[in-house]
Amino acid sequence: MEPISDHLKKNLKVLFVGFNPSIRSSEVGHHYANPNNRFWKIIYEAGLTPRKYEASEDTKLLELGFGFTNIVARPTKAADEITKEEYKEGREILRKKIERLKPQVVCFVGKGVYQQYSGVKVVKWGKQTNGSVPGVVDFVAPSSSGLVRMRMEEIVDIYKGLGPLLSE
């Protein structure tokens, strides 16, 4: 399986960071492409996009100021297949991307992603007290995987917290 391309540019509004690509995303070459993944619905219902985009349109979100990357590039069936070494390497690579690109907000799509990145064990949803890179807000949102057992409305409400950070 091949990694998928990051969609990045300087001064993004939000850089969305996932664990790693799914097998389906690797097959089609687009972020959040698994049919059970609710990412595109969530960001639309949270008011971040003017319409519900499809995974095949992920590059179009750069025009809206949204970029995509993962803490680990290797596609897997599940995040528990990622090794400690891959996380260690991914943390360093991700920090360099954030320092270079300076997005307004880095949205970690899943508490586990942020825990692996930051080393912080107890994490609350939303804006984090201390950003990991000066001048960049760290924001933690639920994973958009269909395996997450939170109510959709609750997930969308957390993602709505991104909006006010973009107008500051």
N, C-alpha and C. Protein backbone atom coordinates (compact mmCIF):
# COMPACT_ATOMS: atom_id res chain seq x y z
N MET A 1 0.84 -1.18 0.00
CA MET A 1 0.00 0.00 0.00
C MET A 1 0.88 1.24 0.00
N GLU A 2 0.47 2.22 -0.77
CA GLU A 2 1.23 3.45 -0.89
C GLU A 2 0.67 4.53 0.03
N PRO A 3 1.56 5.34 0.62
CA PRO A 3 1.06 6.51 1.37
C PRO A 3 0.31 7.44 0.40
N ILE A 4 -0.52 8.31 0.94
CA ILE A 4 -1.20 9.29 0.09
C ILE A 4 -0.54 10.65 0.27
N SER A 5 -0.67 11.48 -0.71
CA SER A 5 -0.03 12.79 -0.68
C SER A 5 -0.67 13.69 0.36
N ASP A 6 0.18 14.44 1.05
CA ASP A 6 -0.31 15.51 1.91
C ASP A 6 -0.90 16.59 1.01
N HIS A 7 -1.84 17.34 1.53
CA HIS A 7 -2.34 18.53 0.85
C HIS A 7 -2.01 19.69 1.77
N LEU A 8 -0.94 20.41 1.42
CA LEU A 8 -0.39 21.42 2.31
C LEU A 8 -0.02 22.69 1.56
N LYS A 9 -0.07 23.80 2.28
CA LYS A 9 0.48 25.07 1.82
C LYS A 9 0.70 25.93 3.05
N LYS A 10 1.44 27.01 2.90
CA LYS A 10 1.69 27.89 4.04
C LYS A 10 0.43 28.63 4.45
N ASN A 11 0.38 28.96 5.73
CA ASN A 11 -0.68 29.79 6.30
C ASN A 11 -2.10 29.24 6.11
N LEU A 12 -2.24 27.95 6.25
CA LEU A 12 -3.58 27.35 6.21
C LEU A 12 -4.41 27.85 7.38
N LYS A 13 -5.72 27.82 7.22
CA LYS A 13 -6.60 28.08 8.35
C LYS A 13 -6.53 26.88 9.31
N VAL A 14 -6.73 25.68 8.75
CA VAL A 14 -6.69 24.47 9.57
C VAL A 14 -5.89 23.39 8.85
N LEU A 15 -4.99 22.77 9.59
CA LEU A 15 -4.30 21.58 9.12
C LEU A 15 -4.91 20.41 9.89
N PHE A 16 -5.63 19.53 9.18
CA PHE A 16 -6.22 18.35 9.80
C PHE A 16 -5.18 17.24 9.81
N VAL A 17 -5.00 16.63 10.99
CA VAL A 17 -4.00 15.57 11.16
C VAL A 17 -4.69 14.30 11.64
N GLY A 18 -4.60 13.25 10.84
CA GLY A 18 -5.14 11.96 11.22
C GLY A 18 -4.05 11.02 11.71
N PHE A 19 -4.45 9.83 12.13
CA PHE A 19 -3.47 8.81 12.52
C PHE A 19 -2.61 8.43 11.32
N ASN A 20 -3.26 7.86 10.30
CA ASN A 20 -2.61 7.40 9.08
C ASN A 20 -3.70 7.07 8.07
N PRO A 21 -3.33 6.90 6.81
CA PRO A 21 -4.35 6.61 5.80
C PRO A 21 -4.96 5.22 6.00
N SER A 22 -6.23 5.12 5.68
CA SER A 22 -6.88 3.81 5.64
C SER A 22 -6.44 3.09 4.37
N ILE A 23 -6.73 1.81 4.31
CA ILE A 23 -6.45 1.04 3.10
C ILE A 23 -7.21 1.64 1.92
N ARG A 24 -8.47 1.99 2.14
CA ARG A 24 -9.29 2.59 1.07
C ARG A 24 -8.69 3.91 0.59
N SER A 25 -8.26 4.75 1.52
CA SER A 25 -7.64 6.02 1.13
C SER A 25 -6.39 5.77 0.28
N SER A 26 -5.61 4.77 0.66
CA SER A 26 -4.42 4.43 -0.11
C SER A 26 -4.78 3.96 -1.51
N GLU A 27 -5.83 3.15 -1.61
CA GLU A 27 -6.26 2.62 -2.91
C GLU A 27 -6.70 3.72 -3.86
N VAL A 28 -7.41 4.73 -3.34
CA VAL A 28 -7.96 5.77 -4.21
C VAL A 28 -7.14 7.06 -4.20
N GLY A 29 -6.21 7.19 -3.24
CA GLY A 29 -5.33 8.35 -3.20
C GLY A 29 -5.96 9.61 -2.62
N HIS A 30 -6.96 9.45 -1.76
CA HIS A 30 -7.63 10.62 -1.17
C HIS A 30 -7.83 10.42 0.33
N HIS A 31 -7.78 11.53 1.06
CA HIS A 31 -7.95 11.51 2.51
C HIS A 31 -9.39 11.21 2.90
N TYR A 32 -9.55 10.47 3.98
CA TYR A 32 -10.87 10.15 4.55
C TYR A 32 -11.80 9.54 3.52
N ALA A 33 -11.29 8.56 2.77
CA ALA A 33 -12.04 7.96 1.65
C ALA A 33 -12.84 6.72 2.03
N ASN A 34 -12.60 6.16 3.21
CA ASN A 34 -13.37 4.98 3.61
C ASN A 34 -14.85 5.38 3.68
N PRO A 35 -15.74 4.60 3.06
CA PRO A 35 -17.16 4.96 3.07
C PRO A 35 -17.76 5.06 4.48
N ASN A 36 -17.14 4.41 5.46
CA ASN A 36 -17.63 4.49 6.84
C ASN A 36 -17.08 5.70 7.59
N ASN A 37 -16.17 6.45 6.96
CA ASN A 37 -15.60 7.62 7.61
C ASN A 37 -16.53 8.81 7.39
N ARG A 38 -16.81 9.53 8.46
CA ARG A 38 -17.80 10.62 8.41
C ARG A 38 -17.18 12.01 8.33
N PHE A 39 -15.89 12.09 8.02
CA PHE A 39 -15.18 13.36 8.05
C PHE A 39 -15.87 14.44 7.23
N TRP A 40 -16.19 14.14 5.99
CA TRP A 40 -16.74 15.15 5.07
C TRP A 40 -18.10 15.64 5.54
N LYS A 41 -18.90 14.74 6.09
CA LYS A 41 -20.21 15.12 6.65
C LYS A 41 -20.01 15.99 7.89
N ILE A 42 -19.08 15.62 8.75
CA ILE A 42 -18.84 16.36 9.99
C ILE A 42 -18.43 17.79 9.71
N ILE A 43 -17.44 17.99 8.84
CA ILE A 43 -16.96 19.36 8.63
C ILE A 43 -18.01 20.23 7.93
N TYR A 44 -18.85 19.60 7.10
CA TYR A 44 -19.95 20.35 6.49
C TYR A 44 -20.98 20.73 7.55
N GLU A 45 -21.41 19.77 8.35
CA GLU A 45 -22.44 20.04 9.36
C GLU A 45 -21.93 20.99 10.44
N ALA A 46 -20.62 21.05 10.63
CA ALA A 46 -20.04 21.98 11.60
C ALA A 46 -19.91 23.39 11.02
N GLY A 47 -20.29 23.57 9.76
CA GLY A 47 -20.25 24.88 9.14
C GLY A 47 -18.87 25.30 8.63
N LEU A 48 -17.96 24.35 8.50
CA LEU A 48 -16.61 24.68 8.04
C LEU A 48 -16.51 24.74 6.52
N THR A 49 -17.38 24.00 5.83
CA THR A 49 -17.39 24.02 4.37
C THR A 49 -18.78 24.43 3.88
N PRO A 50 -18.85 25.05 2.70
CA PRO A 50 -20.14 25.52 2.19
C PRO A 50 -21.04 24.40 1.68
N ARG A 51 -20.47 23.23 1.45
CA ARG A 51 -21.24 22.06 0.99
C ARG A 51 -20.50 20.81 1.44
N LYS A 52 -21.15 19.67 1.30
CA LYS A 52 -20.50 18.41 1.66
C LYS A 52 -19.62 17.98 0.49
N TYR A 53 -18.33 17.98 0.73
CA TYR A 53 -17.38 17.53 -0.27
C TYR A 53 -17.25 16.02 -0.24
N GLU A 54 -16.74 15.47 -1.32
CA GLU A 54 -16.43 14.05 -1.40
C GLU A 54 -14.92 13.89 -1.20
N ALA A 55 -14.49 12.72 -0.78
CA ALA A 55 -13.06 12.47 -0.57
C ALA A 55 -12.25 12.77 -1.85
N SER A 56 -12.83 12.50 -3.01
CA SER A 56 -12.13 12.73 -4.27
C SER A 56 -11.86 14.22 -4.53
N GLU A 57 -12.48 15.09 -3.73
CA GLU A 57 -12.30 16.53 -3.88
C GLU A 57 -11.37 17.11 -2.81
N ASP A 58 -10.63 16.26 -2.13
CA ASP A 58 -9.85 16.73 -0.99
C ASP A 58 -8.88 17.86 -1.34
N THR A 59 -8.34 17.87 -2.54
CA THR A 59 -7.41 18.95 -2.91
C THR A 59 -8.12 20.31 -3.02
N LYS A 60 -9.42 20.29 -3.30
CA LYS A 60 -10.19 21.55 -3.41
C LYS A 60 -10.26 22.28 -2.08
N LEU A 61 -10.08 21.56 -0.98
CA LEU A 61 -10.18 22.21 0.32
C LEU A 61 -8.99 23.13 0.60
N LEU A 62 -7.91 22.96 -0.15
CA LEU A 62 -6.79 23.91 -0.03
C LEU A 62 -7.26 25.33 -0.34
N GLU A 63 -8.20 25.45 -1.31
CA GLU A 63 -8.74 26.76 -1.67
C GLU A 63 -9.49 27.40 -0.51
N LEU A 64 -10.05 26.56 0.39
CA LEU A 64 -10.77 27.06 1.56
C LEU A 64 -9.82 27.28 2.75
N GLY A 65 -8.55 26.91 2.57
CA GLY A 65 -7.58 27.07 3.64
C GLY A 65 -7.43 25.86 4.53
N PHE A 66 -7.89 24.70 4.05
CA PHE A 66 -7.79 23.47 4.83
C PHE A 66 -6.81 22.51 4.18
N GLY A 67 -5.90 21.97 5.00
CA GLY A 67 -4.92 21.02 4.51
C GLY A 67 -5.02 19.70 5.26
N PHE A 68 -4.33 18.68 4.73
CA PHE A 68 -4.40 17.33 5.29
C PHE A 68 -3.04 16.68 5.36
N THR A 69 -2.81 16.02 6.48
CA THR A 69 -1.63 15.17 6.65
C THR A 69 -1.97 14.14 7.72
N ASN A 70 -1.02 13.27 8.01
CA ASN A 70 -1.18 12.24 9.04
C ASN A 70 0.09 12.18 9.87
N ILE A 71 -0.03 11.67 11.09
CA ILE A 71 1.15 11.53 11.93
C ILE A 71 2.03 10.39 11.42
N VAL A 72 1.42 9.39 10.77
CA VAL A 72 2.15 8.27 10.16
C VAL A 72 1.66 8.13 8.72
N ALA A 73 2.59 7.97 7.79
CA ALA A 73 2.22 7.91 6.37
C ALA A 73 1.76 6.53 5.90
N ARG A 74 2.20 5.47 6.59
CA ARG A 74 1.90 4.11 6.13
C ARG A 74 0.44 3.76 6.34
N PRO A 75 -0.25 3.34 5.26
CA PRO A 75 -1.64 2.92 5.39
C PRO A 75 -1.74 1.60 6.16
N THR A 76 -2.79 1.49 6.98
CA THR A 76 -3.08 0.25 7.71
C THR A 76 -4.58 0.08 7.80
N LYS A 77 -4.99 -1.14 8.18
CA LYS A 77 -6.41 -1.40 8.43
C LYS A 77 -6.87 -0.69 9.69
N ALA A 78 -5.99 -0.64 10.70
CA ALA A 78 -6.35 -0.04 11.99
C ALA A 78 -5.13 0.66 12.58
N ALA A 79 -5.40 1.69 13.40
CA ALA A 79 -4.31 2.47 14.00
C ALA A 79 -3.45 1.64 14.95
N ASP A 80 -4.01 0.56 15.49
CA ASP A 80 -3.21 -0.25 16.42
C ASP A 80 -2.08 -1.02 15.72
N GLU A 81 -2.02 -0.96 14.41
CA GLU A 81 -0.93 -1.58 13.65
C GLU A 81 0.30 -0.67 13.54
N ILE A 82 0.17 0.58 13.98
CA ILE A 82 1.27 1.54 13.89
C ILE A 82 2.27 1.24 15.01
N THR A 83 3.56 1.24 14.67
CA THR A 83 4.60 0.93 15.66
C THR A 83 5.05 2.18 16.42
N LYS A 84 5.68 1.95 17.58
CA LYS A 84 6.23 3.06 18.37
C LYS A 84 7.26 3.83 17.56
N GLU A 85 8.05 3.13 16.77
CA GLU A 85 9.07 3.77 15.94
C GLU A 85 8.43 4.67 14.88
N GLU A 86 7.32 4.20 14.30
CA GLU A 86 6.63 5.02 13.29
C GLU A 86 6.07 6.29 13.94
N TYR A 87 5.52 6.17 15.14
CA TYR A 87 5.01 7.35 15.83
C TYR A 87 6.14 8.32 16.16
N LYS A 88 7.27 7.80 16.63
CA LYS A 88 8.40 8.67 16.98
C LYS A 88 8.86 9.46 15.75
N GLU A 89 9.04 8.76 14.65
CA GLU A 89 9.46 9.42 13.41
C GLU A 89 8.39 10.39 12.92
N GLY A 90 7.12 9.96 12.99
CA GLY A 90 6.01 10.80 12.54
C GLY A 90 5.88 12.08 13.34
N ARG A 91 6.09 12.01 14.66
CA ARG A 91 6.05 13.21 15.52
C ARG A 91 7.04 14.25 15.04
N GLU A 92 8.26 13.81 14.78
CA GLU A 92 9.31 14.74 14.35
C GLU A 92 8.99 15.36 13.00
N ILE A 93 8.53 14.55 12.07
CA ILE A 93 8.17 15.04 10.74
C ILE A 93 7.01 16.03 10.83
N LEU A 94 5.99 15.67 11.62
CA LEU A 94 4.81 16.53 11.76
C LEU A 94 5.17 17.86 12.38
N ARG A 95 5.97 17.85 13.44
CA ARG A 95 6.36 19.11 14.08
C ARG A 95 7.08 20.03 13.07
N LYS A 96 7.94 19.47 12.25
CA LYS A 96 8.65 20.27 11.23
C LYS A 96 7.67 20.85 10.21
N LYS A 97 6.67 20.07 9.81
CA LYS A 97 5.65 20.58 8.87
C LYS A 97 4.91 21.76 9.49
N ILE A 98 4.51 21.61 10.75
CA ILE A 98 3.76 22.68 11.42
C ILE A 98 4.62 23.92 11.58
N GLU A 99 5.87 23.75 11.97
CA GLU A 99 6.78 24.90 12.13
C GLU A 99 6.99 25.62 10.80
N ARG A 100 7.08 24.87 9.72
CA ARG A 100 7.34 25.45 8.40
C ARG A 100 6.09 26.11 7.82
N LEU A 101 4.93 25.48 7.98
CA LEU A 101 3.71 25.94 7.32
C LEU A 101 2.92 26.96 8.14
N LYS A 102 3.07 26.95 9.45
CA LYS A 102 2.39 27.89 10.35
C LYS A 102 0.88 28.01 10.09
N PRO A 103 0.12 26.90 10.16
CA PRO A 103 -1.33 27.03 10.04
C PRO A 103 -1.87 27.77 11.26
N GLN A 104 -3.06 28.37 11.13
CA GLN A 104 -3.69 29.01 12.30
C GLN A 104 -3.97 27.96 13.37
N VAL A 105 -4.54 26.83 12.93
CA VAL A 105 -4.96 25.76 13.84
C VAL A 105 -4.51 24.42 13.28
N VAL A 106 -4.03 23.55 14.17
CA VAL A 106 -3.82 22.15 13.82
C VAL A 106 -4.92 21.38 14.51
N CYS A 107 -5.78 20.74 13.73
CA CYS A 107 -6.87 19.94 14.27
C CYS A 107 -6.47 18.47 14.23
N PHE A 108 -6.27 17.90 15.41
CA PHE A 108 -5.92 16.49 15.52
C PHE A 108 -7.23 15.71 15.50
N VAL A 109 -7.40 14.87 14.49
CA VAL A 109 -8.64 14.13 14.28
C VAL A 109 -8.56 12.84 15.10
N GLY A 110 -8.83 13.00 16.40
CA GLY A 110 -8.77 11.89 17.35
C GLY A 110 -7.87 12.22 18.52
N LYS A 111 -8.33 11.93 19.73
CA LYS A 111 -7.51 12.17 20.92
C LYS A 111 -6.20 11.40 20.84
N GLY A 112 -6.28 10.18 20.35
CA GLY A 112 -5.08 9.34 20.26
C GLY A 112 -4.00 9.95 19.38
N VAL A 113 -4.41 10.64 18.33
CA VAL A 113 -3.43 11.29 17.45
C VAL A 113 -2.68 12.35 18.25
N TYR A 114 -3.43 13.17 18.99
CA TYR A 114 -2.80 14.22 19.78
C TYR A 114 -1.94 13.64 20.90
N GLN A 115 -2.41 12.58 21.53
CA GLN A 115 -1.62 11.94 22.59
C GLN A 115 -0.30 11.41 22.04
N GLN A 116 -0.33 10.81 20.88
CA GLN A 116 0.90 10.31 20.27
C GLN A 116 1.83 11.45 19.89
N TYR A 117 1.26 12.56 19.43
CA TYR A 117 2.05 13.71 19.00
C TYR A 117 2.64 14.47 20.18
N SER A 118 1.81 14.73 21.18
CA SER A 118 2.20 15.63 22.27
C SER A 118 2.81 14.93 23.48
N GLY A 119 2.48 13.66 23.64
CA GLY A 119 2.90 12.94 24.84
C GLY A 119 2.00 13.22 26.04
N VAL A 120 0.98 14.06 25.85
CA VAL A 120 0.03 14.38 26.92
C VAL A 120 -0.94 13.21 27.06
N LYS A 121 -1.14 12.74 28.27
CA LYS A 121 -2.00 11.57 28.49
C LYS A 121 -3.48 11.93 28.66
N VAL A 122 -3.77 13.00 29.38
CA VAL A 122 -5.15 13.41 29.61
C VAL A 122 -5.44 14.61 28.71
N VAL A 123 -6.37 14.41 27.80
CA VAL A 123 -6.66 15.42 26.78
C VAL A 123 -8.16 15.73 26.79
N LYS A 124 -8.49 17.01 26.72
CA LYS A 124 -9.89 17.41 26.60
C LYS A 124 -10.17 17.75 25.13
N TRP A 125 -11.44 17.74 24.77
CA TRP A 125 -11.81 18.12 23.40
C TRP A 125 -11.61 19.63 23.23
N GLY A 126 -11.34 20.03 22.00
CA GLY A 126 -11.27 21.45 21.66
C GLY A 126 -9.88 22.02 21.74
N LYS A 127 -9.85 23.35 21.92
CA LYS A 127 -8.59 24.09 21.95
C LYS A 127 -7.78 23.66 23.18
N GLN A 128 -6.51 23.39 22.94
CA GLN A 128 -5.62 22.97 24.01
C GLN A 128 -4.98 24.21 24.65
N THR A 129 -4.69 24.11 25.92
CA THR A 129 -4.14 25.24 26.67
C THR A 129 -2.83 25.72 26.08
N ASN A 130 -1.96 24.80 25.76
CA ASN A 130 -0.65 25.15 25.19
C ASN A 130 -0.49 24.53 23.82
N GLY A 131 -0.22 25.36 22.83
CA GLY A 131 0.08 24.83 21.51
C GLY A 131 1.50 24.27 21.49
N SER A 132 1.75 23.33 20.63
CA SER A 132 3.07 22.72 20.57
C SER A 132 4.06 23.55 19.76
N VAL A 133 3.54 24.41 18.89
CA VAL A 133 4.37 25.30 18.09
C VAL A 133 3.89 26.73 18.35
N PRO A 134 4.77 27.64 18.75
CA PRO A 134 4.36 29.02 19.04
C PRO A 134 3.58 29.64 17.88
N GLY A 135 2.45 30.29 18.22
CA GLY A 135 1.63 30.96 17.22
C GLY A 135 0.63 30.06 16.52
N VAL A 136 0.61 28.77 16.87
CA VAL A 136 -0.31 27.81 16.25
C VAL A 136 -1.17 27.20 17.35
N VAL A 137 -2.49 27.18 17.12
CA VAL A 137 -3.43 26.60 18.09
C VAL A 137 -3.54 25.09 17.85
N ASP A 138 -3.42 24.32 18.92
CA ASP A 138 -3.70 22.88 18.86
C ASP A 138 -5.15 22.67 19.25
N PHE A 139 -5.88 21.90 18.44
CA PHE A 139 -7.29 21.62 18.66
C PHE A 139 -7.49 20.12 18.52
N VAL A 140 -8.18 19.52 19.49
CA VAL A 140 -8.42 18.08 19.45
C VAL A 140 -9.90 17.82 19.22
N ALA A 141 -10.19 17.03 18.20
CA ALA A 141 -11.56 16.68 17.84
C ALA A 141 -11.67 15.15 17.78
N PRO A 142 -12.88 14.65 17.91
CA PRO A 142 -13.04 13.20 17.81
C PRO A 142 -12.65 12.66 16.44
N SER A 143 -12.22 11.43 16.42
CA SER A 143 -11.98 10.75 15.15
C SER A 143 -13.29 10.72 14.36
N SER A 144 -13.17 10.79 13.07
CA SER A 144 -14.36 10.75 12.20
C SER A 144 -14.69 9.32 11.76
N SER A 145 -13.94 8.36 12.25
CA SER A 145 -14.17 6.96 11.92
C SER A 145 -15.58 6.54 12.32
N GLY A 146 -16.17 5.69 11.53
CA GLY A 146 -17.48 5.13 11.86
C GLY A 146 -17.44 4.25 13.10
N LEU A 147 -16.23 3.90 13.56
CA LEU A 147 -16.10 3.08 14.77
C LEU A 147 -16.29 3.88 16.05
N VAL A 148 -16.21 5.21 15.95
CA VAL A 148 -16.36 6.06 17.13
C VAL A 148 -17.81 5.99 17.59
N ARG A 149 -18.00 5.78 18.89
CA ARG A 149 -19.33 5.57 19.44
C ARG A 149 -19.92 6.80 20.11
N MET A 150 -19.54 7.98 19.66
CA MET A 150 -20.17 9.21 20.13
C MET A 150 -21.34 9.54 19.21
N ARG A 151 -22.30 10.27 19.74
CA ARG A 151 -23.41 10.73 18.91
C ARG A 151 -22.87 11.72 17.88
N MET A 152 -23.40 11.66 16.68
CA MET A 152 -22.96 12.54 15.59
C MET A 152 -23.10 14.00 15.99
N GLU A 153 -24.19 14.36 16.64
CA GLU A 153 -24.42 15.75 17.04
C GLU A 153 -23.32 16.23 17.98
N GLU A 154 -22.89 15.35 18.87
CA GLU A 154 -21.83 15.70 19.82
C GLU A 154 -20.50 15.93 19.10
N ILE A 155 -20.21 15.07 18.14
CA ILE A 155 -18.98 15.22 17.35
C ILE A 155 -19.01 16.54 16.59
N VAL A 156 -20.11 16.80 15.91
CA VAL A 156 -20.25 18.04 15.12
C VAL A 156 -20.10 19.26 16.02
N ASP A 157 -20.69 19.23 17.21
CA ASP A 157 -20.57 20.36 18.14
C ASP A 157 -19.12 20.65 18.49
N ILE A 158 -18.33 19.61 18.67
CA ILE A 158 -16.90 19.80 18.98
C ILE A 158 -16.20 20.45 17.78
N TYR A 159 -16.46 19.97 16.58
CA TYR A 159 -15.84 20.55 15.38
C TYR A 159 -16.29 22.00 15.16
N LYS A 160 -17.50 22.34 15.60
CA LYS A 160 -17.97 23.73 15.49
C LYS A 160 -17.05 24.67 16.25
N GLY A 161 -16.34 24.17 17.25
CA GLY A 161 -15.40 24.98 18.01
C GLY A 161 -14.23 25.51 17.20
N LEU A 162 -14.03 24.95 16.02
CA LEU A 162 -12.97 25.46 15.13
C LEU A 162 -13.33 26.83 14.56
N GLY A 163 -14.60 27.03 14.25
CA GLY A 163 -15.06 28.27 13.61
C GLY A 163 -14.58 29.54 14.28
N PRO A 164 -14.86 29.71 15.58
CA PRO A 164 -14.44 30.94 16.26
C PRO A 164 -12.92 31.15 16.27
N LEU A 165 -12.16 30.06 16.24
CA LEU A 165 -10.69 30.18 16.23
C LEU A 165 -10.19 30.74 14.91
N LEU A 166 -10.96 30.57 13.86
CA LEU A 166 -10.53 31.03 12.54
C LEU A 166 -10.82 32.50 12.33
N SER A 167 -11.68 33.08 13.15
CA SER A 167 -11.98 34.49 13.00
C SER A 167 -11.19 35.36 13.98
N GLU A 168 -10.42 34.69 14.87
CA GLU A 168 -9.63 35.46 15.85
C GLU A 168 -8.45 36.13 15.17
